[in-house]
């Protein structure tokens, strides 16, 4: 866990890609769940932020 935090602070690709992937997965989950309309309402934005973040992070150094 400490290595992930250090990687995020140093702008390393691995931890940021993992965070972006988690955001994309959470956004898709929010889109598919049938219970809360509030989650559904923000699902596209969360997925979009995760996707744009992944594109930007893919240019970080290893």
C-alpha atoms as a PDB file:
ATOM      1  CA  UNK A   1       0.000   0.000   0.000  1.00  0.00           C
ATOM      2  CA  UNK A   2       2.840   2.376   0.809  1.00  0.00           C
ATOM      3  CA  UNK A   3       4.436   1.668  -2.595  1.00  0.00           C
ATOM      4  CA  UNK A   4       1.178   2.574  -4.338  1.00  0.00           C
ATOM      5  CA  UNK A   5       1.014   5.900  -2.504  1.00  0.00           C
ATOM      6  CA  UNK A   6       4.672   6.623  -3.272  1.00  0.00           C
ATOM      7  CA  UNK A   7       4.040   5.738  -6.926  1.00  0.00           C
ATOM      8  CA  UNK A   8       1.096   8.125  -7.068  1.00  0.00           C
ATOM      9  CA  UNK A   9       3.149  10.934  -5.587  1.00  0.00           C
ATOM     10  CA  UNK A  10       5.992  10.329  -8.050  1.00  0.00           C
ATOM     11  CA  UNK A  11       3.675  10.125 -11.075  1.00  0.00           C
ATOM     12  CA  UNK A  12       4.605   6.554 -11.930  1.00  0.00           C
ATOM     13  CA  UNK A  13       2.489   4.803 -14.533  1.00  0.00           C
ATOM     14  CA  UNK A  14       1.505   1.643 -12.631  1.00  0.00           C
ATOM     15  CA  UNK A  15      -0.394   3.084  -9.658  1.00  0.00           C
ATOM     16  CA  UNK A  16      -2.097   5.789 -11.752  1.00  0.00           C
ATOM     17  CA  UNK A  17      -3.186   3.233 -14.377  1.00  0.00           C
ATOM     18  CA  UNK A  18      -4.620   1.072 -11.610  1.00  0.00           C
ATOM     19  CA  UNK A  19      -6.545   4.050 -10.214  1.00  0.00           C
ATOM     20  CA  UNK A  20      -7.865   4.945 -13.686  1.00  0.00           C
ATOM     21  CA  UNK A  21      -8.901   1.338 -14.302  1.00  0.00           C
ATOM     22  CA  UNK A  22     -10.723   1.237 -10.967  1.00  0.00           C
ATOM     23  CA  UNK A  23     -12.549   4.455 -11.890  1.00  0.00           C
ATOM     24  CA  UNK A  24     -13.631   2.960 -15.208  1.00  0.00           C
ATOM     25  CA  UNK A  25     -14.855  -0.211 -13.460  1.00  0.00           C
ATOM     26  CA  UNK A  26     -16.757   1.804 -10.839  1.00  0.00           C
ATOM     27  CA  UNK A  27     -18.360   3.897 -13.587  1.00  0.00           C
ATOM     28  CA  UNK A  28     -19.505   0.789 -15.453  1.00  0.00           C
ATOM     29  CA  UNK A  29     -20.853  -0.693 -12.220  1.00  0.00           C
ATOM     30  CA  UNK A  30     -22.731   2.544 -11.536  1.00  0.00           C
ATOM     31  CA  UNK A  31     -24.199   2.356 -15.032  1.00  0.00           C
ATOM     32  CA  UNK A  32     -25.437  -1.225 -14.619  1.00  0.00           C
ATOM     33  CA  UNK A  33     -26.876  -1.145 -11.105  1.00  0.00           C
ATOM     34  CA  UNK A  34     -30.690  -0.866 -10.903  1.00  0.00           C
ATOM     35  CA  UNK A  35     -31.046   0.602  -7.404  1.00  0.00           C
ATOM     36  CA  UNK A  36     -29.938   4.241  -7.189  1.00  0.00           C
ATOM     37  CA  UNK A  37     -30.705   6.795  -9.871  1.00  0.00           C
ATOM     38  CA  UNK A  38     -28.036   9.127  -8.429  1.00  0.00           C
ATOM     39  CA  UNK A  39     -25.307   6.600  -9.140  1.00  0.00           C
ATOM     40  CA  UNK A  40     -26.680   6.058 -12.621  1.00  0.00           C
ATOM     41  CA  UNK A  41     -26.705   9.811 -13.233  1.00  0.00           C
ATOM     42  CA  UNK A  42     -22.983  10.191 -12.544  1.00  0.00           C
ATOM     43  CA  UNK A  43     -21.847   6.933 -14.151  1.00  0.00           C
ATOM     44  CA  UNK A  44     -20.985   8.461 -17.535  1.00  0.00           C
ATOM     45  CA  UNK A  45     -18.883  11.215 -15.967  1.00  0.00           C
ATOM     46  CA  UNK A  46     -16.984   8.762 -13.757  1.00  0.00           C
ATOM     47  CA  UNK A  47     -16.312   6.464 -16.723  1.00  0.00           C
ATOM     48  CA  UNK A  48     -15.242   9.422 -18.878  1.00  0.00           C
ATOM     49  CA  UNK A  49     -12.865  10.751 -16.203  1.00  0.00           C
ATOM     50  CA  UNK A  50     -11.340   7.293 -15.801  1.00  0.00           C
ATOM     51  CA  UNK A  51     -10.886   6.916 -19.563  1.00  0.00           C
ATOM     52  CA  UNK A  52      -9.299  10.351 -20.037  1.00  0.00           C
ATOM     53  CA  UNK A  53      -7.128   9.752 -16.981  1.00  0.00           C
ATOM     54  CA  UNK A  54      -5.989   6.415 -18.439  1.00  0.00           C
ATOM     55  CA  UNK A  55      -5.059   8.084 -21.733  1.00  0.00           C
ATOM     56  CA  UNK A  56      -3.038  10.770 -19.961  1.00  0.00           C
ATOM     57  CA  UNK A  57      -1.398   8.340 -17.539  1.00  0.00           C
ATOM     58  CA  UNK A  58      -0.291   6.056 -20.365  1.00  0.00           C
ATOM     59  CA  UNK A  59       2.269   8.744 -21.245  1.00  0.00           C
ATOM     60  CA  UNK A  60       3.871   8.715 -17.768  1.00  0.00           C
ATOM     61  CA  UNK A  61       7.242   7.042 -17.284  1.00  0.00           C
ATOM     62  CA  UNK A  62       7.520   3.522 -15.887  1.00  0.00           C
END
